[in-house]
C-alpha atoms as a PDB file:
ATOM      1  CA  MET A   1      93.384  98.681  91.520  1.00  0.00           C
ATOM      2  CA  LEU A   2      96.016 101.142  92.634  1.00  0.00           C
ATOM      3  CA  ASN A   3      98.631 102.250  90.143  1.00  0.00           C
ATOM      4  CA  ILE A   4     101.584 102.485  92.533  1.00  0.00           C
ATOM      5  CA  PRO A   5     104.941 103.640  91.107  1.00  0.00           C
ATOM      6  CA  PRO A   6     107.504 100.830  91.329  1.00  0.00           C
ATOM      7  CA  ALA A   7     110.285 103.158  92.588  1.00  0.00           C
ATOM      8  CA  GLY A   8     110.860 106.694  93.853  1.00  0.00           C
ATOM      9  CA  GLY A   9     113.143 108.806  95.945  1.00  0.00           C
ATOM     10  CA  LEU A  10     110.657 108.367  98.770  1.00  0.00           C
ATOM     11  CA  ASP A  11     108.424 105.350  99.306  1.00  0.00           C
ATOM     12  CA  PHE A  12     106.172 107.377 101.611  1.00  0.00           C
ATOM     13  CA  LEU A  13     105.757 110.999 102.650  1.00  0.00           C
ATOM     14  CA  ALA A  14     103.508 112.153 105.488  1.00  0.00           C
ATOM     15  CA  LEU A  15     102.190 115.627 106.030  1.00  0.00           C
ATOM     16  CA  GLY A  16     100.894 116.530 109.524  1.00  0.00           C
ATOM     17  CA  ALA A  17     101.407 117.984 113.026  1.00  0.00           C
ATOM     18  CA  MET A  18     103.865 116.476 115.491  1.00  0.00           C
ATOM     19  CA  VAL A  19     103.312 116.383 119.237  1.00  0.00           C
ATOM     20  CA  ASN A  20     104.899 115.263 122.504  1.00  0.00           C
ATOM     21  CA  ARG A  21     102.610 112.843 124.361  1.00  0.00           C
ATOM     22  CA  ILE A  22     103.082 112.939 128.128  1.00  0.00           C
ATOM     23  CA  ASP A  23     102.312 109.604 129.650  1.00  0.00           C
ATOM     24  CA  PRO A  24     102.265 108.776 133.450  1.00  0.00           C
ATOM     25  CA  GLY A  25     101.448 105.161 132.637  1.00  0.00           C
ATOM     26  CA  ARG A  26      98.693 103.684 134.767  1.00  0.00           C
ATOM     27  CA  ILE A  27      98.816 106.480 137.252  1.00  0.00           C
ATOM     28  CA  PRO A  28      96.145 109.168 136.684  1.00  0.00           C
ATOM     29  CA  PHE A  29      97.513 112.653 136.092  1.00  0.00           C
ATOM     30  CA  ARG A  30      96.007 114.035 139.264  1.00  0.00           C
ATOM     31  CA  LYS A  31      98.298 111.635 141.228  1.00  0.00           C
ATOM     32  CA  ALA A  32     101.271 111.454 138.811  1.00  0.00           C
ATOM     33  CA  THR A  33     104.873 112.106 140.055  1.00  0.00           C
ATOM     34  CA  GLN A  34     106.685 111.177 136.819  1.00  0.00           C
ATOM     35  CA  CYS A  35     105.941 110.768 133.140  1.00  0.00           C
ATOM     36  CA  ALA A  36     107.349 109.265 129.979  1.00  0.00           C
ATOM     37  CA  ILE A  37     107.443 111.328 126.756  1.00  0.00           C
ATOM     38  CA  HIS A  38     106.346 109.783 123.456  1.00  0.00           C
ATOM     39  CA  VAL A  39     106.858 111.683 120.210  1.00  0.00           C
ATOM     40  CA  SER A  40     103.741 111.271 118.063  1.00  0.00           C
ATOM     41  CA  GLY A  41     101.501 112.515 115.352  1.00  0.00           C
ATOM     42  CA  GLY A  42      99.090 110.416 113.340  1.00  0.00           C
ATOM     43  CA  GLU A  43     100.862 110.952 110.054  1.00  0.00           C
ATOM     44  CA  PHE A  44     104.415 110.773 111.496  1.00  0.00           C
ATOM     45  CA  ASN A  45     103.500 107.473 113.229  1.00  0.00           C
ATOM     46  CA  CYS A  46     102.878 105.926 109.810  1.00  0.00           C
ATOM     47  CA  ALA A  47     106.153 107.297 108.419  1.00  0.00           C
ATOM     48  CA  ALA A  48     108.095 106.058 111.512  1.00  0.00           C
ATOM     49  CA  ASN A  49     106.456 102.646 111.416  1.00  0.00           C
ATOM     50  CA  LEU A  50     107.140 102.187 107.695  1.00  0.00           C
ATOM     51  CA  SER A  51     110.750 103.184 108.175  1.00  0.00           C
ATOM     52  CA  ASP A  52     111.613 101.315 111.412  1.00  0.00           C
ATOM     53  CA  CYS A  53     109.689  98.113 111.021  1.00  0.00           C
ATOM     54  CA  PHE A  54     109.162  97.800 107.310  1.00  0.00           C
ATOM     55  CA  LYS A  55     112.505  99.329 106.163  1.00  0.00           C
ATOM     56  CA  MET A  56     110.910 101.793 103.695  1.00  0.00           C
ATOM     57  CA  ASN A  57     112.330 105.184 102.750  1.00  0.00           C
ATOM     58  CA  THR A  58     109.954 107.732 104.388  1.00  0.00           C
ATOM     59  CA  GLY A  59     109.712 111.352 105.134  1.00  0.00           C
ATOM     60  CA  ILE A  60     107.631 113.837 107.194  1.00  0.00           C
ATOM     61  CA  ALA A  61     106.669 117.394 106.224  1.00  0.00           C
ATOM     62  CA  THR A  62     105.711 119.413 109.200  1.00  0.00           C
ATOM     63  CA  ALA A  63     106.176 122.513 111.329  1.00  0.00           C
ATOM     64  CA  MET A  64     109.068 122.549 113.807  1.00  0.00           C
ATOM     65  CA  VAL A  65     109.950 124.985 116.609  1.00  0.00           C
ATOM     66  CA  ASP A  66     113.607 125.806 117.393  1.00  0.00           C
ATOM     67  CA  TYR A  67     113.562 125.146 121.183  1.00  0.00           C
ATOM     68  CA  PRO A  68     114.219 122.118 123.408  1.00  0.00           C
ATOM     69  CA  LEU A  69     110.764 120.465 122.996  1.00  0.00           C
ATOM     70  CA  GLY A  70     111.267 120.745 119.214  1.00  0.00           C
ATOM     71  CA  GLU A  71     114.780 119.303 119.482  1.00  0.00           C
ATOM     72  CA  LEU A  72     113.375 116.344 121.449  1.00  0.00           C
ATOM     73  CA  ILE A  73     110.995 115.604 118.542  1.00  0.00           C
ATOM     74  CA  GLN A  74     113.781 116.045 115.973  1.00  0.00           C
ATOM     75  CA  GLU A  75     115.937 113.482 117.803  1.00  0.00           C
ATOM     76  CA  ARG A  76     113.036 110.925 117.636  1.00  0.00           C
ATOM     77  CA  VAL A  77     112.511 111.590 113.931  1.00  0.00           C
ATOM     78  CA  ARG A  78     116.192 110.811 113.329  1.00  0.00           C
ATOM     79  CA  ALA A  79     116.078 107.743 115.511  1.00  0.00           C
ATOM     80  CA  MET A  80     113.162 106.314 113.549  1.00  0.00           C
ATOM     81  CA  GLY A  81     114.997 106.816 110.288  1.00  0.00           C
ATOM     82  CA  VAL A  82     112.486 109.353 108.861  1.00  0.00           C
ATOM     83  CA  THR A  83     113.717 112.152 106.553  1.00  0.00           C
ATOM     84  CA  PRO A  84     112.464 115.492 107.824  1.00  0.00           C
ATOM     85  CA  PHE A  85     111.184 118.449 105.827  1.00  0.00           C
ATOM     86  CA  TYR A  86     110.591 121.199 108.313  1.00  0.00           C
ATOM     87  CA  LYS A  87     109.156 124.678 108.155  1.00  0.00           C
ATOM     88  CA  MET A  88     111.092 126.170 111.108  1.00  0.00           C
ATOM     89  CA  TYR A  89     109.665 128.611 113.606  1.00  0.00           C
ATOM     90  CA  LYS A  90     111.505 130.514 116.351  1.00  0.00           C
ATOM     91  CA  HIS A  91     110.131 130.338 119.964  1.00  0.00           C
ATOM     92  CA  ASN A  92     109.741 133.746 121.600  1.00  0.00           C
ATOM     93  CA  GLY A  93     110.692 132.360 125.056  1.00  0.00           C
ATOM     94  CA  VAL A  94     107.302 132.994 126.511  1.00  0.00           C
ATOM     95  CA  ASN A  95     104.174 131.759 124.643  1.00  0.00           C
ATOM     96  CA  GLY A  96     105.389 130.185 121.455  1.00  0.00           C
ATOM     97  CA  PRO A  97     104.773 129.207 118.819  1.00  0.00           C
ATOM     98  CA  ASN A  98     104.738 125.730 120.411  1.00  0.00           C
ATOM     99  CA  MET A  99     104.912 122.092 119.625  1.00  0.00           C
ATOM    100  CA  ALA A 100     101.545 120.671 120.758  1.00  0.00           C
ATOM    101  CA  THR A 101     101.325 118.471 123.835  1.00  0.00           C
ATOM    102  CA  VAL A 102      98.968 115.523 124.375  1.00  0.00           C
ATOM    103  CA  TYR A 103      98.406 114.206 127.889  1.00  0.00           C
ATOM    104  CA  SER A 104      97.162 110.622 128.287  1.00  0.00           C
ATOM    105  CA  ASP A 105      97.200 108.111 131.146  1.00  0.00           C
ATOM    106  CA  GLN A 106      96.781 104.468 130.172  1.00  0.00           C
ATOM    107  CA  GLY A 107      94.009 103.472 132.560  1.00  0.00           C
ATOM    108  CA  CYS A 108      93.688  99.876 133.655  1.00  0.00           C
ATOM    109  CA  GLY A 109      90.981  97.251 133.667  1.00  0.00           C
ATOM    110  CA  VAL A 110      87.594  98.936 134.273  1.00  0.00           C
ATOM    111  CA  ARG A 111      89.270 102.377 134.452  1.00  0.00           C
ATOM    112  CA  ALA A 112      89.353 103.816 130.903  1.00  0.00           C
ATOM    113  CA  PRO A 113      92.330 105.769 129.447  1.00  0.00           C
ATOM    114  CA  VAL A 114      92.099 109.578 129.608  1.00  0.00           C
ATOM    115  CA  VAL A 115      93.325 111.923 126.828  1.00  0.00           C
ATOM    116  CA  PHE A 116      93.469 115.769 126.835  1.00  0.00           C
ATOM    117  CA  TYR A 117      95.403 118.343 124.962  1.00  0.00           C
ATOM    118  CA  ASN A 118      97.287 121.657 124.875  1.00  0.00           C
ATOM    119  CA  ARG A 119      97.429 122.808 121.301  1.00  0.00           C
ATOM    120  CA  ALA A 120      97.622 126.539 122.174  1.00  0.00           C
ATOM    121  CA  ASN A 121      99.614 128.577 119.649  1.00  0.00           C
ATOM    122  CA  GLU A 122     100.595 125.400 117.822  1.00  0.00           C
ATOM    123  CA  ALA A 123     103.205 125.896 115.091  1.00  0.00           C
ATOM    124  CA  ALA A 124     101.618 123.370 112.719  1.00  0.00           C
ATOM    125  CA  ALA A 125      98.362 125.354 112.765  1.00  0.00           C
ATOM    126  CA  GLN A 126     100.306 128.325 111.317  1.00  0.00           C
ATOM    127  CA  LEU A 127     101.342 126.428 108.219  1.00  0.00           C
ATOM    128  CA  LYS A 128      99.935 127.875 105.079  1.00  0.00           C
ATOM    129  CA  LYS A 129     100.112 127.330 101.276  1.00  0.00           C
ATOM    130  CA  GLY A 130     103.620 127.979  99.959  1.00  0.00           C
ATOM    131  CA  ASP A 131     105.397 127.156 103.246  1.00  0.00           C
ATOM    132  CA  ILE A 132     106.587 123.698 102.013  1.00  0.00           C
ATOM    133  CA  ASN A 133     108.819 123.234  98.981  1.00  0.00           C
ATOM    134  CA  TRP A 134     106.933 120.360  97.365  1.00  0.00           C
ATOM    135  CA  LYS A 135     108.920 120.660  94.105  1.00  0.00           C
ATOM    136  CA  SER A 136     112.190 119.965  96.003  1.00  0.00           C
ATOM    137  CA  ILE A 137     110.668 117.155  98.134  1.00  0.00           C
ATOM    138  CA  PHE A 138     109.230 115.321  95.084  1.00  0.00           C
ATOM    139  CA  ALA A 139     112.180 115.966  92.821  1.00  0.00           C
ATOM    140  CA  GLY A 140     113.297 112.337  93.071  1.00  0.00           C
ATOM    141  CA  GLY A 141     109.794 110.893  92.920  1.00  0.00           C
ATOM    142  CA  CYS A 142     107.415 109.652  95.598  1.00  0.00           C
ATOM    143  CA  ARG A 143     105.280 106.467  95.692  1.00  0.00           C
ATOM    144  CA  TRP A 144     102.731 107.346  98.417  1.00  0.00           C
ATOM    145  CA  PHE A 145     101.559 110.517 100.113  1.00  0.00           C
ATOM    146  CA  HIS A 146      99.504 110.607 103.354  1.00  0.00           C
ATOM    147  CA  SER A 147      97.784 113.200 105.546  1.00  0.00           C
ATOM    148  CA  GLY A 148      94.903 113.278 107.987  1.00  0.00           C
ATOM    149  CA  GLY A 149      91.811 114.932 109.408  1.00  0.00           C
ATOM    150  CA  ILE A 150      93.400 116.106 112.691  1.00  0.00           C
ATOM    151  CA  PHE A 151      95.845 118.257 110.775  1.00  0.00           C
ATOM    152  CA  ALA A 152      93.020 119.526 108.538  1.00  0.00           C
ATOM    153  CA  ALA A 153      91.086 120.693 111.648  1.00  0.00           C
ATOM    154  CA  LEU A 154      93.902 122.718 113.225  1.00  0.00           C
ATOM    155  CA  SER A 155      93.258 125.975 111.378  1.00  0.00           C
ATOM    156  CA  SER A 156      91.700 127.602 108.305  1.00  0.00           C
ATOM    157  CA  THR A 157      95.029 127.321 106.420  1.00  0.00           C
ATOM    158  CA  THR A 158      96.106 123.715 106.990  1.00  0.00           C
ATOM    159  CA  PRO A 159      93.491 122.240 104.584  1.00  0.00           C
ATOM    160  CA  ASP A 160      95.053 124.318 101.802  1.00  0.00           C
ATOM    161  CA  VAL A 161      98.479 122.897 102.711  1.00  0.00           C
ATOM    162  CA  ILE A 162      97.099 119.406 102.432  1.00  0.00           C
ATOM    163  CA  ILE A 163      95.449 120.083  99.056  1.00  0.00           C
ATOM    164  CA  GLU A 164      98.625 121.718  97.756  1.00  0.00           C
ATOM    165  CA  GLY A 165     100.632 118.703  98.937  1.00  0.00           C
ATOM    166  CA  MET A 166      98.212 116.244  97.357  1.00  0.00           C
ATOM    167  CA  LYS A 167      98.239 117.998  94.018  1.00  0.00           C
ATOM    168  CA  ALA A 168     102.051 118.006  93.982  1.00  0.00           C
ATOM    169  CA  ALA A 169     102.133 114.355  95.015  1.00  0.00           C
ATOM    170  CA  LYS A 170      99.731 113.362  92.200  1.00  0.00           C
ATOM    171  CA  LYS A 171     101.868 115.304  89.723  1.00  0.00           C
ATOM    172  CA  ALA A 172     104.831 113.212  90.958  1.00  0.00           C
ATOM    173  CA  GLY A 173     102.805 110.044  90.381  1.00  0.00           C
ATOM    174  CA  ALA A 174     102.158 109.137  94.029  1.00  0.00           C
ATOM    175  CA  ILE A 175      99.168 107.351  95.535  1.00  0.00           C
ATOM    176  CA  VAL A 176      97.340 109.743  97.854  1.00  0.00           C
ATOM    177  CA  SER A 177      95.777 108.560 101.158  1.00  0.00           C
ATOM    178  CA  PHE A 178      93.959 110.351 103.952  1.00  0.00           C
ATOM    179  CA  ASP A 179      92.981 109.210 107.507  1.00  0.00           C
ATOM    180  CA  LEU A 180      89.640 110.936 108.162  1.00  0.00           C
ATOM    181  CA  ASN A 181      90.181 110.897 111.974  1.00  0.00           C
ATOM    182  CA  TYR A 182      87.015 112.840 112.742  1.00  0.00           C
ATOM    183  CA  ARG A 183      87.378 114.687 116.086  1.00  0.00           C
ATOM    184  CA  ALA A 184      84.273 116.622 117.123  1.00  0.00           C
ATOM    185  CA  LYS A 185      86.145 118.758 119.650  1.00  0.00           C
ATOM    186  CA  LEU A 186      88.620 119.975 117.093  1.00  0.00           C
ATOM    187  CA  TRP A 187      85.983 120.788 114.428  1.00  0.00           C
ATOM    188  CA  GLN A 188      83.796 122.502 117.076  1.00  0.00           C
ATOM    189  CA  ILE A 189      86.403 125.256 117.402  1.00  0.00           C
ATOM    190  CA  SER A 190      87.224 125.151 113.659  1.00  0.00           C
ATOM    191  CA  GLY A 191      83.849 126.058 112.169  1.00  0.00           C
ATOM    192  CA  GLY A 192      81.605 123.195 113.153  1.00  0.00           C
ATOM    193  CA  LEU A 193      80.231 120.210 111.339  1.00  0.00           C
ATOM    194  CA  ASP A 194      79.244 122.035 108.133  1.00  0.00           C
ATOM    195  CA  THR A 195      82.839 123.396 107.815  1.00  0.00           C
ATOM    196  CA  CYS A 196      84.239 120.023 108.598  1.00  0.00           C
ATOM    197  CA  GLN A 197      82.263 118.185 105.857  1.00  0.00           C
ATOM    198  CA  ALA A 198      82.869 120.862 103.270  1.00  0.00           C
ATOM    199  CA  THR A 199      86.598 120.895 104.016  1.00  0.00           C
ATOM    200  CA  LEU A 200      87.085 117.092 104.092  1.00  0.00           C
ATOM    201  CA  ARG A 201      84.957 116.648 100.964  1.00  0.00           C
ATOM    202  CA  LYS A 202      87.283 119.000  99.099  1.00  0.00           C
ATOM    203  CA  ILE A 203      90.357 117.126 100.273  1.00  0.00           C
ATOM    204  CA  VAL A 204      88.980 113.601  99.660  1.00  0.00           C
ATOM    205  CA  LYS A 205      88.193 114.388  96.086  1.00  0.00           C
ATOM    206  CA  LEU A 206      92.020 114.125  95.539  1.00  0.00           C
ATOM    207  CA  CYS A 207      92.380 110.824  97.424  1.00  0.00           C
ATOM    208  CA  ASP A 208      92.902 107.252  96.203  1.00  0.00           C
ATOM    209  CA  VAL A 209      92.727 105.594  99.649  1.00  0.00           C
ATOM    210  CA  LEU A 210      90.812 106.458 102.824  1.00  0.00           C
ATOM    211  CA  VAL A 211      91.196 105.212 106.348  1.00  0.00           C
ATOM    212  CA  GLY A 212      88.108 105.712 108.449  1.00  0.00           C
ATOM    213  CA  ASN A 213      85.179 103.957 110.157  1.00  0.00           C
ATOM    214  CA  GLU A 214      81.443 104.518 109.759  1.00  0.00           C
ATOM    215  CA  GLU A 215      81.480 107.561 112.068  1.00  0.00           C
ATOM    216  CA  ASP A 216      84.292 109.143 110.142  1.00  0.00           C
ATOM    217  CA  LEU A 217      82.437 108.646 106.860  1.00  0.00           C
ATOM    218  CA  GLN A 218      79.093 109.778 108.235  1.00  0.00           C
ATOM    219  CA  MET A 219      80.198 112.784 110.340  1.00  0.00           C
ATOM    220  CA  GLY A 220      83.372 113.769 108.447  1.00  0.00           C
ATOM    221  CA  LEU A 221      82.042 113.429 104.906  1.00  0.00           C
ATOM    222  CA  GLY A 222      78.241 113.466 105.385  1.00  0.00           C
ATOM    223  CA  ILE A 223      77.819 110.062 103.568  1.00  0.00           C
ATOM    224  CA  LYS A 224      74.590 108.510 104.711  1.00  0.00           C
ATOM    225  CA  GLY A 225      74.862 105.023 106.288  1.00  0.00           C
ATOM    226  CA  GLN A 226      72.472 102.285 105.277  1.00  0.00           C
ATOM    227  CA  ASN A 227      70.058 100.805 107.769  1.00  0.00           C
ATOM    228  CA  VAL A 228      72.303  97.817 108.607  1.00  0.00           C
ATOM    229  CA  GLU A 229      71.884  96.159 111.956  1.00  0.00           C
ATOM    230  CA  LYS A 230      75.183  95.314 113.527  1.00  0.00           C
ATOM    231  CA  VAL A 231      75.533  92.144 115.554  1.00  0.00           C
ATOM    232  CA  GLY A 232      78.489  93.544 117.428  1.00  0.00           C
ATOM    233  CA  LYS A 233      81.452  95.895 117.238  1.00  0.00           C
ATOM    234  CA  LEU A 234      83.371  93.441 115.016  1.00  0.00           C
ATOM    235  CA  ASP A 235      80.473  93.022 112.533  1.00  0.00           C
ATOM    236  CA  PRO A 236      81.561  94.728 109.293  1.00  0.00           C
ATOM    237  CA  SER A 237      78.069  94.928 107.692  1.00  0.00           C
ATOM    238  CA  ALA A 238      77.505  98.635 108.602  1.00  0.00           C
ATOM    239  CA  PHE A 239      80.862  99.613 107.194  1.00  0.00           C
ATOM    240  CA  PHE A 240      80.555  97.593 103.983  1.00  0.00           C
ATOM    241  CA  GLY A 241      76.990  98.882 103.616  1.00  0.00           C
ATOM    242  CA  MET A 242      78.284 102.383 103.219  1.00  0.00           C
ATOM    243  CA  MET A 243      80.735 101.539 100.421  1.00  0.00           C
ATOM    244  CA  LYS A 244      78.008 101.876  97.724  1.00  0.00           C
ATOM    245  CA  GLY A 245      77.592 105.493  98.845  1.00  0.00           C
ATOM    246  CA  VAL A 246      81.323 106.047  98.820  1.00  0.00           C
ATOM    247  CA  ALA A 247      81.611 104.592  95.228  1.00  0.00           C
ATOM    248  CA  LYS A 248      78.706 106.812  94.084  1.00  0.00           C
ATOM    249  CA  GLU A 249      79.758 110.039  95.773  1.00  0.00           C
ATOM    250  CA  LEU A 250      83.549 109.645  95.685  1.00  0.00           C
ATOM    251  CA  PRO A 251      84.350 107.709  92.494  1.00  0.00           C
ATOM    252  CA  ASN A 252      88.024 108.647  92.724  1.00  0.00           C
ATOM    253  CA  VAL A 253      88.360 106.658  95.958  1.00  0.00           C
ATOM    254  CA  LYS A 254      89.610 103.151  95.181  1.00  0.00           C
ATOM    255  CA  ALA A 255      89.988 101.750  98.672  1.00  0.00           C
ATOM    256  CA  VAL A 256      88.675 102.351 102.233  1.00  0.00           C
ATOM    257  CA  ALA A 257      89.989 100.564 105.307  1.00  0.00           C
ATOM    258  CA  THR A 258      89.401 100.607 109.045  1.00  0.00           C
ATOM    259  CA  THR A 259      89.977  98.720 112.262  1.00  0.00           C
ATOM    260  CA  LEU A 260      87.229  96.941 114.161  1.00  0.00           C
ATOM    261  CA  ARG A 261      87.620  96.929 117.937  1.00  0.00           C
ATOM    262  CA  GLU A 262      85.447  95.795 120.758  1.00  0.00           C
ATOM    263  CA  VAL A 263      86.679  97.049 124.144  1.00  0.00           C
ATOM    264  CA  HIS A 264      85.929  94.576 126.986  1.00  0.00           C
ATOM    265  CA  THR A 265      88.234  96.360 129.449  1.00  0.00           C
ATOM    266  CA  THR A 266      91.073  98.902 128.991  1.00  0.00           C
ATOM    267  CA  ASN A 267      93.492  95.946 128.676  1.00  0.00           C
ATOM    268  CA  ARG A 268      91.399  93.410 126.833  1.00  0.00           C
ATOM    269  CA  HIS A 269      90.173  94.071 123.274  1.00  0.00           C
ATOM    270  CA  SER A 270      88.744  92.003 120.457  1.00  0.00           C
ATOM    271  CA  TRP A 271      90.400  93.168 117.232  1.00  0.00           C
ATOM    272  CA  SER A 272      89.828  92.860 113.520  1.00  0.00           C
ATOM    273  CA  SER A 273      89.991  95.056 110.390  1.00  0.00           C
ATOM    274  CA  VAL A 274      88.285  95.464 107.086  1.00  0.00           C
ATOM    275  CA  LEU A 275      89.054  96.680 103.562  1.00  0.00           C
ATOM    276  CA  TRP A 276      86.905  97.570 100.623  1.00  0.00           C
ATOM    277  CA  MET A 277      88.975  97.824  97.443  1.00  0.00           C
ATOM    278  CA  GLY A 278      87.879  97.950  93.842  1.00  0.00           C
ATOM    279  CA  GLY A 279      84.378  96.818  94.746  1.00  0.00           C
ATOM    280  CA  GLU A 280      85.554  93.789  96.714  1.00  0.00           C
ATOM    281  CA  THR A 281      85.382  93.324 100.517  1.00  0.00           C
ATOM    282  CA  PHE A 282      88.008  91.725 102.783  1.00  0.00           C
ATOM    283  CA  GLN A 283      88.028  91.049 106.572  1.00  0.00           C
ATOM    284  CA  ALA A 284      91.008  90.036 108.752  1.00  0.00           C
ATOM    285  CA  PRO A 285      90.612  87.418 111.438  1.00  0.00           C
ATOM    286  CA  GLN A 286      89.541  88.254 114.997  1.00  0.00           C
ATOM    287  CA  ALA A 287      92.257  88.433 117.691  1.00  0.00           C
ATOM    288  CA  GLU A 288      91.926  88.836 121.412  1.00  0.00           C
ATOM    289  CA  LEU A 289      94.482  91.429 122.542  1.00  0.00           C
ATOM    290  CA  ASP A 290      96.059  92.049 125.930  1.00  0.00           C
ATOM    291  CA  VAL A 291      96.614  95.748 125.550  1.00  0.00           C
ATOM    292  CA  LEU A 292      99.477  97.654 127.164  1.00  0.00           C
ATOM    293  CA  ASP A 293      98.980 101.036 125.381  1.00  0.00           C
ATOM    294  CA  ARG A 294      96.235 101.404 122.789  1.00  0.00           C
ATOM    295  CA  VAL A 295      97.447 104.745 121.404  1.00  0.00           C
ATOM    296  CA  GLY A 296      98.785 104.391 117.918  1.00  0.00           C
ATOM    297  CA  GLY A 297      97.140 101.010 117.141  1.00  0.00           C
ATOM    298  CA  GLY A 298      95.111 102.513 114.277  1.00  0.00           C
ATOM    299  CA  ASP A 299      98.210 104.176 112.795  1.00  0.00           C
ATOM    300  CA  GLY A 300      99.964 100.823 113.128  1.00  0.00           C
ATOM    301  CA  PHE A 301      97.171  99.191 111.160  1.00  0.00           C
ATOM    302  CA  ALA A 302      97.427 101.826 108.382  1.00  0.00           C
ATOM    303  CA  SER A 303     101.166 101.445 108.250  1.00  0.00           C
ATOM    304  CA  GLY A 304     101.090  97.711 107.739  1.00  0.00           C
ATOM    305  CA  LEU A 305      98.305  97.957 105.138  1.00  0.00           C
ATOM    306  CA  ILE A 306     100.256 100.588 103.218  1.00  0.00           C
ATOM    307  CA  TYR A 307     103.412  98.458 103.374  1.00  0.00           C
ATOM    308  CA  GLY A 308     101.549  95.509 101.965  1.00  0.00           C
ATOM    309  CA  LEU A 309     100.135  97.531  99.088  1.00  0.00           C
ATOM    310  CA  LEU A 310     103.497  99.240  98.355  1.00  0.00           C
ATOM    311  CA  SER A 311     105.112  95.761  98.308  1.00  0.00           C
ATOM    312  CA  GLY A 312     102.719  94.375  95.787  1.00  0.00           C
ATOM    313  CA  LYS A 313     100.823  92.091  98.148  1.00  0.00           C
ATOM    314  CA  SER A 314      97.229  91.129  97.366  1.00  0.00           C
ATOM    315  CA  PRO A 315      94.496  93.217  99.167  1.00  0.00           C
ATOM    316  CA  GLU A 316      93.827  90.330 101.603  1.00  0.00           C
ATOM    317  CA  GLU A 317      97.596  89.928 102.415  1.00  0.00           C
ATOM    318  CA  ALA A 318      97.988  93.692 102.831  1.00  0.00           C
ATOM    319  CA  LEU A 319      94.986  93.798 105.231  1.00  0.00           C
ATOM    320  CA  ARG A 320      96.383  90.976 107.360  1.00  0.00           C
ATOM    321  CA  LEU A 321      99.755  92.785 107.608  1.00  0.00           C
ATOM    322  CA  GLY A 322      97.961  95.922 108.801  1.00  0.00           C
ATOM    323  CA  TRP A 323      95.868  93.947 111.270  1.00  0.00           C
ATOM    324  CA  ALA A 324      98.917  92.126 112.610  1.00  0.00           C
ATOM    325  CA  HIS A 325     101.116  95.282 112.997  1.00  0.00           C
ATOM    326  CA  GLY A 326      98.207  97.251 114.630  1.00  0.00           C
ATOM    327  CA  ALA A 327      97.795  94.390 117.113  1.00  0.00           C
ATOM    328  CA  LEU A 328     101.450  94.175 117.936  1.00  0.00           C
ATOM    329  CA  LEU A 329     101.777  97.961 118.392  1.00  0.00           C
ATOM    330  CA  THR A 330      99.252  97.864 121.264  1.00  0.00           C
ATOM    331  CA  THR A 331     101.748  95.638 123.185  1.00  0.00           C
ATOM    332  CA  PHE A 332     104.418  98.361 123.270  1.00  0.00           C
ATOM    333  CA  PRO A 333     104.510 101.647 125.119  1.00  0.00           C
ATOM    334  CA  GLY A 334     104.299 104.744 122.994  1.00  0.00           C
ATOM    335  CA  ASP A 335     102.767 105.544 119.625  1.00  0.00           C
ATOM    336  CA  THR A 336     105.333 104.088 117.191  1.00  0.00           C
ATOM    337  CA  THR A 337     106.447 100.591 116.492  1.00  0.00           C
ATOM    338  CA  MET A 338     108.884  98.385 118.302  1.00  0.00           C
ATOM    339  CA  ALA A 339     107.988  95.357 116.177  1.00  0.00           C
ATOM    340  CA  SER A 340     110.206  93.559 113.611  1.00  0.00           C
ATOM    341  CA  LEU A 341     109.003  92.669 110.161  1.00  0.00           C
ATOM    342  CA  SER A 342     109.334  88.972 111.019  1.00  0.00           C
ATOM    343  CA  GLN A 343     107.051  89.360 113.996  1.00  0.00           C
ATOM    344  CA  VAL A 344     104.464  91.085 111.893  1.00  0.00           C
ATOM    345  CA  GLU A 345     104.626  88.451 109.143  1.00  0.00           C
ATOM    346  CA  ASP A 346     104.462  85.607 111.663  1.00  0.00           C
ATOM    347  CA  PHE A 347     101.444  87.025 113.383  1.00  0.00           C
ATOM    348  CA  ALA A 348      99.752  87.781 110.054  1.00  0.00           C
ATOM    349  CA  ALA A 349     100.293  84.135 109.042  1.00  0.00           C
ATOM    350  CA  GLY A 350      98.703  82.866 112.261  1.00  0.00           C
ATOM    351  CA  GLY A 351     101.706  82.757 114.622  1.00  0.00           C
ATOM    352  CA  SER A 352     101.391  82.476 118.375  1.00  0.00           C
ATOM    353  CA  ALA A 353     103.047  83.997 121.429  1.00  0.00           C
ATOM    354  CA  ARG A 354     105.057  80.870 122.224  1.00  0.00           C
ATOM    355  CA  ILE A 355     108.516  81.663 123.465  1.00  0.00           C
ATOM    356  CA  GLN A 356     111.184  81.854 120.699  1.00  0.00           C
ATOM    357  CA  ARG A 357     114.385  80.021 121.697  1.00  0.00           C
END
């Protein structure tokens, strides 16, 4: 089981890159006339969710650029109640360094969502060992530290920042988690698959908890999957079949969790989630989701799971909280939560969408 500190100056600290996500809704970009802006980042999303919905004391360590797009992100960090720890960069007025931009239209029905990026001269990719004052951040203690594979893929220096942060977090007594988030396009320009696996292996040796599916484990870590025939996308046998390999090759990892999702149309998904912890396996129920915006659902799952574990819930209860919060998050626009704790708890307990009067 996880030996989680009962208290600390921070319940949760995330390390990762932050982005502005530009969203024209259901209109494709080639026809868009207006867009919404969602502040995002896989690691920040977890910190924001844990603060806003679950009322935990959270922080984000990241790069920040001193220009209007950075100020927009800083405003959203404050609004979500997350304590910032920034390495500040000056913008030269022409080409950066920049806060990254993600472009995504939501799609609709049989038309799939579309996501593309501009991460050129991204400030977060310039972060290197020694840029973040971990001693100061962890001075009051920390219960949980989290980072992810997208940040690891941004440059040759960001993995060292993750490892430095993880070592400092462990010294402070924190549980360490990592979302593998394998992205072939990012690793293709960051050294390829061999570099990816060598890098993530080095990071994961410091982790207690992993978030990732079979592809993340196979491609990101090179762990061989067993010959398990899946009945469908929500069949957990292939995932659970890999846990013997995880236990053998990564004995430090005490828990692995992921979502299970079968996409029928852009706006109709079947949804579940699974957890392997201490040699035991757990699966959440299956829900049929009417999806407004799927981006951030996985981070919503991780947030609810981490909240449950930090709150002393059983593995099964923590899994159901993650499953419920991830499901609810897909009903809101944007990447971060608009749910209340009571909504999450009600759905986790089997609640319905009947009107509340």
